Amino acid sequence: MKKRLITGLILVMLLVLVSCAPPTPAPPAPQISREQAIEIATKMLPARLAPVVARSDIRAESPGWYDITWKPPDSPRPIDGKIGLGSSAMVLIQHPQGAMEKTIEVNESRTVNDITVTLERVELTSREMKVYAFVTQPDYPPTVQSSPFWNAATEYRIDGGAPVILPHPMMDYMENGTRFIWGGTTPKGILDPVPSDAHELVFKIISMKVSTSPDDPQYTVEGPWEFRIPLE
């Protein structure tokens, strides 16, 4: 079974570069739907494995990363209704116009409620977006074992579109502050690539979870710390 799971994972990852076909005047270019992608993956997998789409509320025609998880069909479901044991693969539906590829050095700072956030840079590739920020405050602890920062509620917008909520950032604790890194840290923490024709990225930290020491309770510090980054 372990060998079959590994084989299934390799085969499904072949779909990583599936892209939405660019529009043409006539005849219209065919598009692959989420259901069609899963049907193809199912035929490629060993017979005893059944794929299950975790993000089933999103259509595959929408560019971005999709989390596909599968498990043996005879494996019992846990009582909470979650997928349970199985293997997963991340499948990327690329933007029809392609993805932006560049590194933008921002190096701008915002200070709100005595917490200073320096947005260092934004890395854009055909695979993903990564954002780096350095966070500190006047009484930042002198040792990396007692950083006051625990989490950050963060979102971004492309060209005034709907906000995208970011996952928990990876944190690199340093003597004079904490570096936050969004994207690329775990499969489910990866951020979607940015379309090649985008004009502006608005990145906003809404609030942070902070504590004065590891043993003290966390409390919320409201922002926002907002940055507008031209992409052209």
C-alpha atoms as a PDB file:
ATOM      1  CA  MET A   1       0.000   0.000   0.000  1.00  0.00           C
ATOM      2  CA  LYS A   2       2.870   2.373   0.794  1.00  0.00           C
ATOM      3  CA  LYS A   3       4.294   1.777  -2.675  1.00  0.00           C
ATOM      4  CA  ARG A   4       0.894   2.507  -4.229  1.00  0.00           C
ATOM      5  CA  LEU A   5       0.528   5.735  -2.242  1.00  0.00           C
ATOM      6  CA  ILE A   6       3.957   6.932  -3.419  1.00  0.00           C
ATOM      7  CA  THR A   7       3.097   6.029  -7.018  1.00  0.00           C
ATOM      8  CA  GLY A   8      -0.178   7.934  -6.757  1.00  0.00           C
ATOM      9  CA  LEU A   9       1.569  10.999  -5.355  1.00  0.00           C
ATOM     10  CA  ILE A  10       4.093  11.061  -8.231  1.00  0.00           C
ATOM     11  CA  LEU A  11       1.387  10.678 -10.857  1.00  0.00           C
ATOM     12  CA  VAL A  12      -0.866  13.378  -9.432  1.00  0.00           C
ATOM     13  CA  MET A  13       2.052  15.824  -9.223  1.00  0.00           C
ATOM     14  CA  LEU A  14       2.304  15.522 -13.020  1.00  0.00           C
ATOM     15  CA  LEU A  15      -0.809  17.732 -13.022  1.00  0.00           C
ATOM     16  CA  VAL A  16       1.052  20.577 -11.283  1.00  0.00           C
ATOM     17  CA  LEU A  17       1.526  22.527 -14.489  1.00  0.00           C
ATOM     18  CA  VAL A  18      -2.075  22.119 -15.725  1.00  0.00           C
ATOM     19  CA  SER A  19      -3.155  25.575 -16.861  1.00  0.00           C
ATOM     20  CA  CYS A  20      -6.334  27.308 -17.902  1.00  0.00           C
ATOM     21  CA  ALA A  21      -6.291  27.587 -21.705  1.00  0.00           C
ATOM     22  CA  PRO A  22      -6.022  31.218 -22.903  1.00  0.00           C
ATOM     23  CA  PRO A  23      -9.168  32.625 -24.509  1.00  0.00           C
ATOM     24  CA  THR A  24      -9.290  32.654 -28.336  1.00  0.00           C
ATOM     25  CA  PRO A  25     -11.872  34.317 -30.582  1.00  0.00           C
ATOM     26  CA  ALA A  26     -13.201  31.128 -32.186  1.00  0.00           C
ATOM     27  CA  PRO A  27     -13.468  28.310 -31.571  1.00  0.00           C
ATOM     28  CA  PRO A  28     -13.255  28.691 -27.778  1.00  0.00           C
ATOM     29  CA  ALA A  29     -10.315  26.872 -26.226  1.00  0.00           C
ATOM     30  CA  PRO A  30     -11.316  23.901 -24.058  1.00  0.00           C
ATOM     31  CA  GLN A  31     -10.950  24.159 -20.287  1.00  0.00           C
ATOM     32  CA  ILE A  32     -10.387  21.379 -17.815  1.00  0.00           C
ATOM     33  CA  SER A  33     -12.756  21.367 -14.877  1.00  0.00           C
ATOM     34  CA  ARG A  34     -11.978  20.188 -11.361  1.00  0.00           C
ATOM     35  CA  GLU A  35     -14.122  17.107 -11.937  1.00  0.00           C
ATOM     36  CA  GLN A  36     -12.253  16.277 -15.147  1.00  0.00           C
ATOM     37  CA  ALA A  37      -8.885  16.724 -13.443  1.00  0.00           C
ATOM     38  CA  ILE A  38      -9.894  14.366 -10.655  1.00  0.00           C
ATOM     39  CA  GLU A  39     -11.290  11.845 -13.150  1.00  0.00           C
ATOM     40  CA  ILE A  40      -7.966  11.818 -14.985  1.00  0.00           C
ATOM     41  CA  ALA A  41      -6.046  11.448 -11.726  1.00  0.00           C
ATOM     42  CA  THR A  42      -8.329   8.621 -10.633  1.00  0.00           C
ATOM     43  CA  LYS A  43      -7.682   6.656 -13.816  1.00  0.00           C
ATOM     44  CA  MET A  44      -3.943   7.095 -13.337  1.00  0.00           C
ATOM     45  CA  LEU A  45      -3.943   5.927  -9.719  1.00  0.00           C
ATOM     46  CA  PRO A  46      -4.002   2.307  -8.534  1.00  0.00           C
ATOM     47  CA  ALA A  47      -7.534   0.906  -8.440  1.00  0.00           C
ATOM     48  CA  ARG A  48      -7.733   0.759  -4.648  1.00  0.00           C
ATOM     49  CA  LEU A  49      -7.051   4.492  -4.200  1.00  0.00           C
ATOM     50  CA  ALA A  50      -9.848   7.049  -4.422  1.00  0.00           C
ATOM     51  CA  PRO A  51      -9.019  10.793  -4.688  1.00  0.00           C
ATOM     52  CA  VAL A  52     -10.938  13.272  -2.569  1.00  0.00           C
ATOM     53  CA  VAL A  53     -10.802  17.013  -3.170  1.00  0.00           C
ATOM     54  CA  ALA A  54     -10.243  18.891   0.085  1.00  0.00           C
ATOM     55  CA  ARG A  55     -11.072  22.325  -1.366  1.00  0.00           C
ATOM     56  CA  SER A  56     -14.269  21.149  -3.036  1.00  0.00           C
ATOM     57  CA  ASP A  57     -15.881  24.594  -2.878  1.00  0.00           C
ATOM     58  CA  ILE A  58     -13.482  25.986  -5.494  1.00  0.00           C
ATOM     59  CA  ARG A  59     -13.633  25.248  -9.215  1.00  0.00           C
ATOM     60  CA  ALA A  60     -10.449  24.180 -10.948  1.00  0.00           C
ATOM     61  CA  GLU A  61     -11.010  26.829 -13.632  1.00  0.00           C
ATOM     62  CA  SER A  62      -9.922  29.339 -10.943  1.00  0.00           C
ATOM     63  CA  PRO A  63      -6.113  29.695 -11.063  1.00  0.00           C
ATOM     64  CA  GLY A  64      -4.255  28.749  -7.901  1.00  0.00           C
ATOM     65  CA  TRP A  65      -3.147  25.823  -5.791  1.00  0.00           C
ATOM     66  CA  TYR A  66      -5.486  22.901  -5.031  1.00  0.00           C
ATOM     67  CA  ASP A  67      -5.032  20.347  -2.284  1.00  0.00           C
ATOM     68  CA  ILE A  68      -6.001  16.855  -3.462  1.00  0.00           C
ATOM     69  CA  THR A  69      -6.117  14.125  -0.834  1.00  0.00           C
ATOM     70  CA  TRP A  70      -6.888  10.470  -1.379  1.00  0.00           C
ATOM     71  CA  LYS A  71      -7.102   7.334   0.730  1.00  0.00           C
ATOM     72  CA  PRO A  72      -8.038   3.663   0.293  1.00  0.00           C
ATOM     73  CA  PRO A  73     -11.838   3.508  -0.172  1.00  0.00           C
ATOM     74  CA  ASP A  74     -12.157   0.809   2.488  1.00  0.00           C
ATOM     75  CA  SER A  75     -10.400   2.988   5.097  1.00  0.00           C
ATOM     76  CA  PRO A  76     -12.886   3.997   7.833  1.00  0.00           C
ATOM     77  CA  ARG A  77     -13.846   7.639   8.199  1.00  0.00           C
ATOM     78  CA  PRO A  78     -13.168   9.274  11.557  1.00  0.00           C
ATOM     79  CA  ILE A  79     -16.259  10.276  13.489  1.00  0.00           C
ATOM     80  CA  ASP A  80     -15.656  13.995  12.905  1.00  0.00           C
ATOM     81  CA  GLY A  81     -16.108  13.510   9.174  1.00  0.00           C
ATOM     82  CA  LYS A  82     -12.605  14.552   8.128  1.00  0.00           C
ATOM     83  CA  ILE A  83     -10.706  12.748   5.418  1.00  0.00           C
ATOM     84  CA  GLY A  84      -8.454  10.869   7.822  1.00  0.00           C
ATOM     85  CA  LEU A  85      -5.307   8.985   6.912  1.00  0.00           C
ATOM     86  CA  GLY A  86      -4.136   9.301   3.328  1.00  0.00           C
ATOM     87  CA  SER A  87      -1.691  11.006   0.993  1.00  0.00           C
ATOM     88  CA  SER A  88      -2.023  14.406  -0.606  1.00  0.00           C
ATOM     89  CA  ALA A  89      -0.645  16.400  -3.515  1.00  0.00           C
ATOM     90  CA  MET A  90      -0.767  20.072  -4.407  1.00  0.00           C
ATOM     91  CA  VAL A  91      -1.961  20.802  -7.957  1.00  0.00           C
ATOM     92  CA  LEU A  92      -1.404  24.219  -9.555  1.00  0.00           C
ATOM     93  CA  ILE A  93      -3.867  25.700 -12.057  1.00  0.00           C
ATOM     94  CA  GLN A  94      -1.808  28.415 -13.722  1.00  0.00           C
ATOM     95  CA  HIS A  95      -3.073  31.849 -14.828  1.00  0.00           C
ATOM     96  CA  PRO A  96      -3.980  31.851 -18.548  1.00  0.00           C
ATOM     97  CA  GLN A  97      -1.795  34.935 -19.094  1.00  0.00           C
ATOM     98  CA  GLY A  98       1.076  33.448 -17.107  1.00  0.00           C
ATOM     99  CA  ALA A  99       2.513  34.349 -13.714  1.00  0.00           C
ATOM    100  CA  MET A 100       4.648  37.319 -12.747  1.00  0.00           C
ATOM    101  CA  GLU A 101       8.301  36.504 -12.030  1.00  0.00           C
ATOM    102  CA  LYS A 102      10.343  39.100 -10.175  1.00  0.00           C
ATOM    103  CA  THR A 103      11.662  40.059  -6.743  1.00  0.00           C
ATOM    104  CA  ILE A 104      10.494  43.400  -5.364  1.00  0.00           C
ATOM    105  CA  GLU A 105      12.678  44.989  -2.688  1.00  0.00           C
ATOM    106  CA  VAL A 106      10.244  47.034  -0.601  1.00  0.00           C
ATOM    107  CA  ASN A 107      12.055  47.897   2.667  1.00  0.00           C
ATOM    108  CA  GLU A 108       9.269  50.105   4.006  1.00  0.00           C
ATOM    109  CA  SER A 109       8.262  50.326   7.683  1.00  0.00           C
ATOM    110  CA  ARG A 110       4.979  50.982   9.487  1.00  0.00           C
ATOM    111  CA  THR A 111       4.683  51.518  13.250  1.00  0.00           C
ATOM    112  CA  VAL A 112       1.351  50.971  14.993  1.00  0.00           C
ATOM    113  CA  ASN A 113       0.880  50.590  18.773  1.00  0.00           C
ATOM    114  CA  ASP A 114       4.675  50.484  19.289  1.00  0.00           C
ATOM    115  CA  ILE A 115       5.139  47.521  16.943  1.00  0.00           C
ATOM    116  CA  THR A 116       7.211  48.227  13.833  1.00  0.00           C
ATOM    117  CA  VAL A 117       6.782  46.079  10.740  1.00  0.00           C
ATOM    118  CA  THR A 118       9.328  46.384   7.926  1.00  0.00           C
ATOM    119  CA  LEU A 119       8.154  44.769   4.722  1.00  0.00           C
ATOM    120  CA  GLU A 120      11.477  43.589   3.314  1.00  0.00           C
ATOM    121  CA  ARG A 121      10.660  42.011  -0.039  1.00  0.00           C
ATOM    122  CA  VAL A 122       8.133  40.119  -2.143  1.00  0.00           C
ATOM    123  CA  GLU A 123       9.305  37.192  -4.254  1.00  0.00           C
ATOM    124  CA  LEU A 124       7.136  36.289  -7.252  1.00  0.00           C
ATOM    125  CA  THR A 125       7.683  33.157  -9.335  1.00  0.00           C
ATOM    126  CA  SER A 126       5.606  31.039 -11.683  1.00  0.00           C
ATOM    127  CA  ARG A 127       5.064  28.677  -8.752  1.00  0.00           C
ATOM    128  CA  GLU A 128       4.224  30.952  -5.827  1.00  0.00           C
ATOM    129  CA  MET A 129       4.455  34.242  -3.952  1.00  0.00           C
ATOM    130  CA  LYS A 130       6.579  34.679  -0.812  1.00  0.00           C
ATOM    131  CA  VAL A 131       6.534  37.710   1.495  1.00  0.00           C
ATOM    132  CA  TYR A 132       9.223  38.621   4.040  1.00  0.00           C
ATOM    133  CA  ALA A 133       8.720  41.071   6.921  1.00  0.00           C
ATOM    134  CA  PHE A 134      10.757  41.975  10.004  1.00  0.00           C
ATOM    135  CA  VAL A 135       8.807  42.781  13.187  1.00  0.00           C
ATOM    136  CA  THR A 136      10.086  44.366  16.382  1.00  0.00           C
ATOM    137  CA  GLN A 137       9.153  46.690  19.250  1.00  0.00           C
ATOM    138  CA  PRO A 138      11.067  48.950  21.698  1.00  0.00           C
ATOM    139  CA  ASP A 139      11.183  46.401  24.535  1.00  0.00           C
ATOM    140  CA  TYR A 140      11.862  43.372  22.344  1.00  0.00           C
ATOM    141  CA  PRO A 141      13.391  40.573  24.480  1.00  0.00           C
ATOM    142  CA  PRO A 142      17.164  40.161  24.116  1.00  0.00           C
ATOM    143  CA  THR A 143      16.966  36.369  23.667  1.00  0.00           C
ATOM    144  CA  VAL A 144      15.396  34.379  20.846  1.00  0.00           C
ATOM    145  CA  GLN A 145      13.695  32.021  23.327  1.00  0.00           C
ATOM    146  CA  SER A 146      11.216  34.654  24.416  1.00  0.00           C
ATOM    147  CA  SER A 147       9.946  36.417  21.297  1.00  0.00           C
ATOM    148  CA  PRO A 148       6.657  38.176  22.094  1.00  0.00           C
ATOM    149  CA  PHE A 149       5.117  37.490  18.668  1.00  0.00           C
ATOM    150  CA  TRP A 150       2.966  34.397  18.179  1.00  0.00           C
ATOM    151  CA  ASN A 151       0.782  34.927  15.149  1.00  0.00           C
ATOM    152  CA  ALA A 152      -0.528  37.526  12.706  1.00  0.00           C
ATOM    153  CA  ALA A 153      -3.887  37.923  10.970  1.00  0.00           C
ATOM    154  CA  THR A 154      -2.868  38.879   7.447  1.00  0.00           C
ATOM    155  CA  GLU A 155      -4.430  39.373   4.038  1.00  0.00           C
ATOM    156  CA  TYR A 156      -3.550  40.685   0.601  1.00  0.00           C
ATOM    157  CA  ARG A 157      -5.385  42.018  -2.454  1.00  0.00           C
ATOM    158  CA  ILE A 158      -4.420  42.113  -6.117  1.00  0.00           C
ATOM    159  CA  ASP A 159      -5.690  45.133  -8.076  1.00  0.00           C
ATOM    160  CA  GLY A 160      -8.492  45.817  -5.599  1.00  0.00           C
ATOM    161  CA  GLY A 161      -9.893  42.305  -5.799  1.00  0.00           C
ATOM    162  CA  ALA A 162     -11.293  40.201  -2.988  1.00  0.00           C
ATOM    163  CA  PRO A 163      -9.007  39.816   0.054  1.00  0.00           C
ATOM    164  CA  VAL A 164      -7.001  36.607   0.332  1.00  0.00           C
ATOM    165  CA  ILE A 165      -6.463  35.437   3.901  1.00  0.00           C
ATOM    166  CA  LEU A 166      -2.909  34.256   4.500  1.00  0.00           C
ATOM    167  CA  PRO A 167      -1.959  31.187   6.550  1.00  0.00           C
ATOM    168  CA  HIS A 168       0.138  31.333   9.701  1.00  0.00           C
ATOM    169  CA  PRO A 169       3.612  32.664   8.797  1.00  0.00           C
ATOM    170  CA  MET A 170       6.847  30.895   9.551  1.00  0.00           C
ATOM    171  CA  MET A 171       8.758  32.864  12.217  1.00  0.00           C
ATOM    172  CA  ASP A 172      12.513  33.206  12.533  1.00  0.00           C
ATOM    173  CA  TYR A 173      13.317  34.502  16.026  1.00  0.00           C
ATOM    174  CA  MET A 174      16.320  36.824  16.234  1.00  0.00           C
ATOM    175  CA  GLU A 175      17.887  38.929  18.976  1.00  0.00           C
ATOM    176  CA  ASN A 176      16.467  42.232  17.737  1.00  0.00           C
ATOM    177  CA  GLY A 177      13.174  41.098  16.240  1.00  0.00           C
ATOM    178  CA  THR A 178      11.272  38.361  14.441  1.00  0.00           C
ATOM    179  CA  ARG A 179      11.221  37.683  10.717  1.00  0.00           C
ATOM    180  CA  PHE A 180       7.826  36.613   9.357  1.00  0.00           C
ATOM    181  CA  ILE A 181       7.768  34.574   6.129  1.00  0.00           C
ATOM    182  CA  TRP A 182       4.513  33.866   4.297  1.00  0.00           C
ATOM    183  CA  GLY A 183       4.439  31.214   1.590  1.00  0.00           C
ATOM    184  CA  GLY A 184       6.492  28.188   0.687  1.00  0.00           C
ATOM    185  CA  THR A 185       6.960  26.954   4.244  1.00  0.00           C
ATOM    186  CA  THR A 186       4.577  23.969   4.069  1.00  0.00           C
ATOM    187  CA  PRO A 187       2.500  22.511   1.211  1.00  0.00           C
ATOM    188  CA  LYS A 188      -0.701  24.017   2.600  1.00  0.00           C
ATOM    189  CA  GLY A 189       1.047  27.304   3.410  1.00  0.00           C
ATOM    190  CA  ILE A 190       2.014  27.996  -0.191  1.00  0.00           C
ATOM    191  CA  LEU A 191       0.622  31.186  -1.763  1.00  0.00           C
ATOM    192  CA  ASP A 192      -0.813  31.391  -5.275  1.00  0.00           C
ATOM    193  CA  PRO A 193       1.323  32.964  -8.015  1.00  0.00           C
ATOM    194  CA  VAL A 194       0.418  36.496  -9.122  1.00  0.00           C
ATOM    195  CA  PRO A 195      -0.910  37.029 -12.672  1.00  0.00           C
ATOM    196  CA  SER A 196       1.607  38.586 -15.056  1.00  0.00           C
ATOM    197  CA  ASP A 197      -0.650  41.549 -15.865  1.00  0.00           C
ATOM    198  CA  ALA A 198      -1.325  42.598 -12.241  1.00  0.00           C
ATOM    199  CA  HIS A 199      -0.671  46.232 -11.285  1.00  0.00           C
ATOM    200  CA  GLU A 200      -0.726  46.513  -7.480  1.00  0.00           C
ATOM    201  CA  LEU A 201      -0.406  44.310  -4.417  1.00  0.00           C
ATOM    202  CA  VAL A 202      -1.871  45.542  -1.121  1.00  0.00           C
ATOM    203  CA  PHE A 203      -0.432  43.600   1.809  1.00  0.00           C
ATOM    204  CA  LYS A 204      -1.976  44.130   5.254  1.00  0.00           C
ATOM    205  CA  ILE A 205      -1.314  42.730   8.718  1.00  0.00           C
ATOM    206  CA  ILE A 206      -4.620  43.265  10.514  1.00  0.00           C
ATOM    207  CA  SER A 207      -3.569  42.273  14.040  1.00  0.00           C
ATOM    208  CA  MET A 208      -1.004  40.247  15.970  1.00  0.00           C
ATOM    209  CA  LYS A 209      -1.050  37.814  18.865  1.00  0.00           C
ATOM    210  CA  VAL A 210       1.536  38.900  21.446  1.00  0.00           C
ATOM    211  CA  SER A 211       2.639  37.880  24.919  1.00  0.00           C
ATOM    212  CA  THR A 212       5.160  39.393  27.307  1.00  0.00           C
ATOM    213  CA  SER A 213       6.760  35.988  28.029  1.00  0.00           C
ATOM    214  CA  PRO A 214       6.235  32.345  26.967  1.00  0.00           C
ATOM    215  CA  ASP A 215       4.313  31.617  30.173  1.00  0.00           C
ATOM    216  CA  ASP A 216       1.993  34.635  29.965  1.00  0.00           C
ATOM    217  CA  PRO A 217      -1.349  34.611  28.130  1.00  0.00           C
ATOM    218  CA  GLN A 218      -1.524  35.993  24.601  1.00  0.00           C
ATOM    219  CA  TYR A 219      -3.328  39.226  23.807  1.00  0.00           C
ATOM    220  CA  THR A 220      -4.239  40.918  20.534  1.00  0.00           C
ATOM    221  CA  VAL A 221      -2.561  44.078  19.246  1.00  0.00           C
ATOM    222  CA  GLU A 222      -4.631  45.761  16.551  1.00  0.00           C
ATOM    223  CA  GLY A 223      -3.090  47.288  13.420  1.00  0.00           C
ATOM    224  CA  PRO A 224      -3.312  47.606  10.604  1.00  0.00           C
ATOM    225  CA  TRP A 225       0.167  47.607   9.105  1.00  0.00           C
ATOM    226  CA  GLU A 226      -0.597  48.163   5.423  1.00  0.00           C
ATOM    227  CA  PHE A 227       1.701  48.319   2.404  1.00  0.00           C
ATOM    228  CA  ARG A 228       0.892  49.141  -1.228  1.00  0.00           C
ATOM    229  CA  ILE A 229       3.378  47.596  -3.640  1.00  0.00           C
ATOM    230  CA  PRO A 230       3.401  48.579  -7.347  1.00  0.00           C
ATOM    231  CA  LEU A 231       3.920  45.502  -9.530  1.00  0.00           C
ATOM    232  CA  GLU A 232       4.581  47.194 -12.885  1.00  0.00           C
END
